[in-house]
C-alpha atoms as a PDB file:
ATOM      1  CA  MET A   1     -16.771   7.199  31.977  1.00  0.00           C
ATOM      2  CA  ALA A   2     -15.022   7.823  29.261  1.00  0.00           C
ATOM      3  CA  GLU A   3     -16.506   8.729  25.997  1.00  0.00           C
ATOM      4  CA  GLU A   4     -16.002   5.787  23.472  1.00  0.00           C
ATOM      5  CA  VAL A   5     -14.526   6.169  20.306  1.00  0.00           C
ATOM      6  CA  LEU A   6     -15.813   5.678  16.894  1.00  0.00           C
ATOM      7  CA  SER A   7     -13.713   5.049  13.926  1.00  0.00           C
ATOM      8  CA  THR A   8     -14.550   6.722  11.070  1.00  0.00           C
ATOM      9  CA  ALA A   9     -14.134   5.416   7.397  1.00  0.00           C
ATOM     10  CA  GLU A  10     -11.244   8.063   7.372  1.00  0.00           C
ATOM     11  CA  ASP A  11      -9.266   6.037   9.764  1.00  0.00           C
ATOM     12  CA  ARG A  12      -9.419   2.774   8.987  1.00  0.00           C
ATOM     13  CA  GLU A  13      -8.452   3.756   5.012  1.00  0.00           C
ATOM     14  CA  ILE A  14      -5.588   5.440   7.082  1.00  0.00           C
ATOM     15  CA  ALA A  15      -5.061   2.421   8.892  1.00  0.00           C
ATOM     16  CA  LEU A  16      -5.514  -0.040   6.124  1.00  0.00           C
ATOM     17  CA  ILE A  17      -2.212   2.397   4.570  1.00  0.00           C
ATOM     18  CA  GLY A  18      -0.399   2.225   7.710  1.00  0.00           C
ATOM     19  CA  LYS A  19      -0.694  -1.959   7.540  1.00  0.00           C
ATOM     20  CA  ALA A  20       0.079  -2.104   4.216  1.00  0.00           C
ATOM     21  CA  LEU A  21       3.573   0.032   4.464  1.00  0.00           C
ATOM     22  CA  SER A  22       4.434  -1.158   7.788  1.00  0.00           C
ATOM     23  CA  ASN A  23       6.438  -4.041   6.771  1.00  0.00           C
ATOM     24  CA  PRO A  24      10.152  -2.225   4.583  1.00  0.00           C
ATOM     25  CA  ILE A  25       9.532  -5.026   2.787  1.00  0.00           C
ATOM     26  CA  ARG A  26       5.989  -4.189   1.087  1.00  0.00           C
ATOM     27  CA  VAL A  27       7.785  -0.312   0.989  1.00  0.00           C
ATOM     28  CA  ARG A  28      10.816  -1.620  -0.943  1.00  0.00           C
ATOM     29  CA  MET A  29       8.586  -4.040  -3.057  1.00  0.00           C
ATOM     30  CA  LEU A  30       6.356  -0.573  -4.193  1.00  0.00           C
ATOM     31  CA  ARG A  31       9.655   1.245  -4.779  1.00  0.00           C
ATOM     32  CA  PHE A  32      10.427  -1.668  -6.890  1.00  0.00           C
ATOM     33  CA  ILE A  33       7.299  -2.153  -9.329  1.00  0.00           C
ATOM     34  CA  GLY A  34       6.648   1.517  -9.256  1.00  0.00           C
ATOM     35  CA  ALA A  35       4.593   2.374 -12.535  1.00  0.00           C
ATOM     36  CA  GLN A  36       6.465   0.010 -14.183  1.00  0.00           C
ATOM     37  CA  GLY A  37       5.284  -2.879 -13.092  1.00  0.00           C
ATOM     38  CA  ALA A  38       7.165  -5.870 -11.893  1.00  0.00           C
ATOM     39  CA  TYR A  39       5.963  -9.880 -11.500  1.00  0.00           C
ATOM     40  CA  CYS A  40       5.902 -11.967  -8.197  1.00  0.00           C
ATOM     41  CA  GLY A  41       8.891 -13.891 -10.106  1.00  0.00           C
ATOM     42  CA  ASP A  42      10.757 -11.143 -10.697  1.00  0.00           C
ATOM     43  CA  LEU A  43       9.567  -9.803  -7.163  1.00  0.00           C
ATOM     44  CA  THR A  44      10.666 -13.407  -5.792  1.00  0.00           C
ATOM     45  CA  GLU A  45      14.227 -12.846  -7.119  1.00  0.00           C
ATOM     46  CA  ARG A  46      14.949 -10.115  -6.279  1.00  0.00           C
ATOM     47  CA  PHE A  47      14.100  -9.739  -2.960  1.00  0.00           C
ATOM     48  CA  GLY A  48      14.858 -13.896  -2.510  1.00  0.00           C
ATOM     49  CA  LEU A  49      11.664 -14.196  -1.033  1.00  0.00           C
ATOM     50  CA  ALA A  50       9.324 -17.199  -1.407  1.00  0.00           C
ATOM     51  CA  GLN A  51       6.578 -16.581  -4.318  1.00  0.00           C
ATOM     52  CA  SER A  52       4.116 -17.428  -0.803  1.00  0.00           C
ATOM     53  CA  THR A  53       5.763 -14.600   1.029  1.00  0.00           C
ATOM     54  CA  VAL A  54       6.013 -12.073  -2.165  1.00  0.00           C
ATOM     55  CA  SER A  55       1.977 -13.537  -2.670  1.00  0.00           C
ATOM     56  CA  HIS A  56       0.609 -11.938   0.689  1.00  0.00           C
ATOM     57  CA  HIS A  57       3.019  -8.803   0.394  1.00  0.00           C
ATOM     58  CA  ILE A  58       1.129  -8.386  -2.809  1.00  0.00           C
ATOM     59  CA  ARG A  59      -2.326  -9.400  -1.043  1.00  0.00           C
ATOM     60  CA  ILE A  60      -1.751  -6.841   1.111  1.00  0.00           C
ATOM     61  CA  LEU A  61      -0.221  -4.109  -0.571  1.00  0.00           C
ATOM     62  CA  LYS A  62      -3.250  -4.536  -2.952  1.00  0.00           C
ATOM     63  CA  GLU A  63      -6.040  -4.848  -0.473  1.00  0.00           C
ATOM     64  CA  ALA A  64      -4.807  -0.974   0.216  1.00  0.00           C
ATOM     65  CA  GLY A  65      -5.039  -0.264  -3.215  1.00  0.00           C
ATOM     66  CA  LEU A  66      -1.654   0.414  -3.968  1.00  0.00           C
ATOM     67  CA  ILE A  67      -0.735  -1.745  -6.369  1.00  0.00           C
ATOM     68  CA  GLU A  68      -3.122  -3.677  -9.110  1.00  0.00           C
ATOM     69  CA  GLY A  69      -2.718  -6.586 -11.379  1.00  0.00           C
ATOM     70  CA  GLU A  70      -3.384  -6.723 -15.177  1.00  0.00           C
ATOM     71  CA  GLU A  71      -3.586 -10.331 -16.136  1.00  0.00           C
ATOM     72  CA  GLN A  72      -0.936 -11.241 -18.898  1.00  0.00           C
ATOM     73  CA  GLY A  73      -1.847 -14.842 -20.222  1.00  0.00           C
ATOM     74  CA  THR A  74      -1.084 -16.744 -17.127  1.00  0.00           C
ATOM     75  CA  SER A  75       1.151 -14.288 -15.123  1.00  0.00           C
ATOM     76  CA  THR A  76       0.520 -11.244 -13.220  1.00  0.00           C
ATOM     77  CA  CYS A  77       1.591  -7.867 -13.746  1.00  0.00           C
ATOM     78  CA  TYR A  78       1.530  -5.558 -10.820  1.00  0.00           C
ATOM     79  CA  ARG A  79       1.477  -2.052 -11.101  1.00  0.00           C
ATOM     80  CA  VAL A  80       1.246   1.341  -8.270  1.00  0.00           C
ATOM     81  CA  VAL A  81      -1.991   3.068  -9.051  1.00  0.00           C
ATOM     82  CA  PRO A  82      -0.712   6.804  -8.827  1.00  0.00           C
ATOM     83  CA  ARG A  83      -4.299   8.007  -8.192  1.00  0.00           C
ATOM     84  CA  ARG A  84      -4.804   6.677  -5.018  1.00  0.00           C
ATOM     85  CA  CYS A  85      -1.526   7.093  -4.192  1.00  0.00           C
ATOM     86  CA  GLU A  86      -1.525  10.940  -4.974  1.00  0.00           C
ATOM     87  CA  ALA A  87      -5.102  10.100  -2.687  1.00  0.00           C
ATOM     88  CA  VAL A  88      -2.691   8.487   0.151  1.00  0.00           C
ATOM     89  CA  CYS A  89      -0.484  11.084   0.169  1.00  0.00           C
ATOM     90  CA  ARG A  90      -2.857  14.034   0.768  1.00  0.00           C
ATOM     91  CA  LEU A  91      -5.063  12.277   3.263  1.00  0.00           C
ATOM     92  CA  ILE A  92      -2.009  11.001   5.503  1.00  0.00           C
ATOM     93  CA  SER A  93      -0.794  15.226   4.906  1.00  0.00           C
ATOM     94  CA  GLU A  94      -3.931  16.231   6.228  1.00  0.00           C
ATOM     95  CA  THR A  95      -4.842  14.403   8.528  1.00  0.00           C
ATOM     96  CA  LEU A  96      -1.149  15.464  10.328  1.00  0.00           C
ATOM     97  CA  ARG A  97      -1.653  18.511  10.178  1.00  0.00           C
ATOM     98  CA  GLY A  98      -4.744  18.083  11.813  1.00  0.00           C
ATOM     99  CA  ALA A  99      -3.090  16.407  14.326  1.00  0.00           C
ATOM    100  CA  ALA A 100       0.221  19.236  14.659  1.00  0.00           C
ATOM    101  CA  GLY A 101      -2.446  22.028  14.202  1.00  0.00           C
ATOM    102  CA  LEU A 102      -0.609  23.190  11.091  1.00  0.00           C
ATOM    103  CA  ALA A 103      -1.720  24.983   8.435  1.00  0.00           C
ATOM    104  CA  ARG A 104      -3.659  23.203   5.516  1.00  0.00           C
END
Protein backbone atom coordinates (compact mmCIF):
# COMPACT_ATOMS: atom_id res chain seq x y z
CA MET A 1 0.00 0.00 0.00
CA ALA A 2 1.42 3.36 -0.99
CA GLU A 3 2.12 5.85 1.75
CA GLU A 4 -0.11 8.90 1.58
CA VAL A 5 1.89 12.00 0.81
CA LEU A 6 0.67 15.13 2.55
CA SER A 7 1.65 18.51 1.26
CA THR A 8 3.27 20.96 3.61
CA ALA A 9 2.64 24.69 3.76
CA GLU A 10 5.95 25.09 1.93
CA ASP A 11 4.77 22.77 -0.85
CA ARG A 12 1.55 24.74 -1.22
CA GLU A 13 3.52 27.99 -1.27
CA ILE A 14 5.75 26.75 -4.07
CA ALA A 15 2.70 25.59 -6.03
CA LEU A 16 1.07 29.02 -5.63
CA ILE A 17 4.24 30.72 -6.87
CA GLY A 18 4.48 28.22 -9.70
CA LYS A 19 0.94 29.03 -10.76
CA ALA A 20 1.68 32.75 -10.72
CA LEU A 21 4.80 32.32 -12.85
CA SER A 22 3.41 29.60 -15.14
CA ASN A 23 1.96 32.05 -17.62
CA PRO A 24 4.46 33.99 -19.79
CA ILE A 25 2.19 37.05 -19.78
CA ARG A 26 2.30 37.19 -15.97
CA VAL A 27 6.09 36.92 -16.04
CA ARG A 28 6.24 39.78 -18.55
CA MET A 29 3.80 41.82 -16.44
CA LEU A 30 5.92 41.25 -13.33
CA ARG A 31 8.99 42.52 -15.17
CA PHE A 32 7.10 45.50 -16.58
CA ILE A 33 5.57 46.47 -13.24
CA GLY A 34 8.91 46.31 -11.44
CA ALA A 35 9.57 48.53 -8.46
CA GLN A 36 8.37 51.68 -10.27
CA GLY A 37 4.84 50.33 -10.58
CA ALA A 38 2.12 50.32 -13.20
CA TYR A 39 -1.61 50.86 -13.45
CA CYS A 40 -4.08 48.43 -15.01
CA GLY A 41 -4.43 50.80 -17.97
CA ASP A 42 -0.66 50.73 -18.49
CA LEU A 43 -0.78 46.94 -18.63
CA THR A 44 -3.75 46.76 -21.03
CA GLU A 45 -1.99 49.19 -23.35
CA ARG A 46 1.41 47.52 -23.11
CA PHE A 47 0.16 43.96 -23.63
CA GLY A 48 -2.90 44.60 -25.80
CA LEU A 49 -5.17 42.69 -23.46
CA ALA A 50 -8.70 43.36 -22.24
CA GLN A 51 -9.00 44.99 -18.83
CA SER A 52 -10.73 41.86 -17.48
CA THR A 53 -7.81 39.68 -18.62
CA VAL A 54 -5.26 42.01 -17.03
CA SER A 55 -7.30 42.02 -13.81
CA HIS A 56 -7.29 38.21 -13.80
CA HIS A 57 -3.48 38.12 -14.13
CA ILE A 58 -3.07 40.82 -11.46
CA ARG A 59 -5.26 38.80 -9.06
CA ILE A 60 -3.07 35.72 -9.47
CA LEU A 61 0.16 37.71 -8.96
CA LYS A 62 -1.36 39.33 -5.86
CA GLU A 63 -2.50 35.97 -4.45
CA ALA A 64 1.12 34.80 -4.67
CA GLY A 65 2.20 37.98 -2.88
CA LEU A 66 4.47 39.02 -5.74
CA ILE A 67 2.75 42.35 -6.28
CA GLU A 68 0.64 44.67 -4.18
CA GLY A 69 -1.71 47.47 -5.07
CA GLU A 70 -1.76 50.98 -3.67
CA GLU A 71 -4.96 52.94 -4.08
CA GLN A 72 -4.34 56.33 -5.69
CA GLY A 73 -7.62 58.11 -6.08
CA THR A 74 -9.85 56.01 -8.32
CA SER A 75 -6.92 53.95 -9.64
CA THR A 76 -4.57 51.36 -8.19
CA CYS A 77 -0.84 51.38 -8.76
CA TYR A 78 0.69 47.89 -8.66
CA ARG A 79 4.27 47.31 -7.52
CA VAL A 80 6.48 44.28 -7.08
CA VAL A 81 7.05 43.32 -3.41
CA PRO A 82 10.88 43.05 -3.10
CA ARG A 83 10.94 41.20 0.24
CA ARG A 84 8.48 38.63 -1.02
CA CYS A 85 10.50 38.12 -4.20
CA GLU A 86 13.65 37.59 -2.12
CA ALA A 87 11.82 35.04 0.04
CA VAL A 88 10.54 33.26 -3.08
CA CYS A 89 14.07 33.08 -4.50
CA ARG A 90 15.36 31.55 -1.26
CA LEU A 91 12.49 29.06 -1.02
CA ILE A 92 12.83 27.85 -4.59
CA SER A 93 16.63 27.72 -4.38
CA GLU A 94 16.55 25.69 -1.16
CA THR A 95 13.93 23.34 -2.56
CA LEU A 96 15.80 22.69 -5.80
CA ARG A 97 19.15 22.34 -4.04
CA GLY A 98 17.63 19.83 -1.64
CA ALA A 99 15.98 17.87 -4.44
CA ALA A 100 19.25 17.74 -6.38
CA GLY A 101 21.32 16.87 -3.30
CA LEU A 102 23.40 20.01 -3.62
CA ALA A 103 25.15 21.68 -0.68
CA ARG A 104 23.39 24.73 0.67
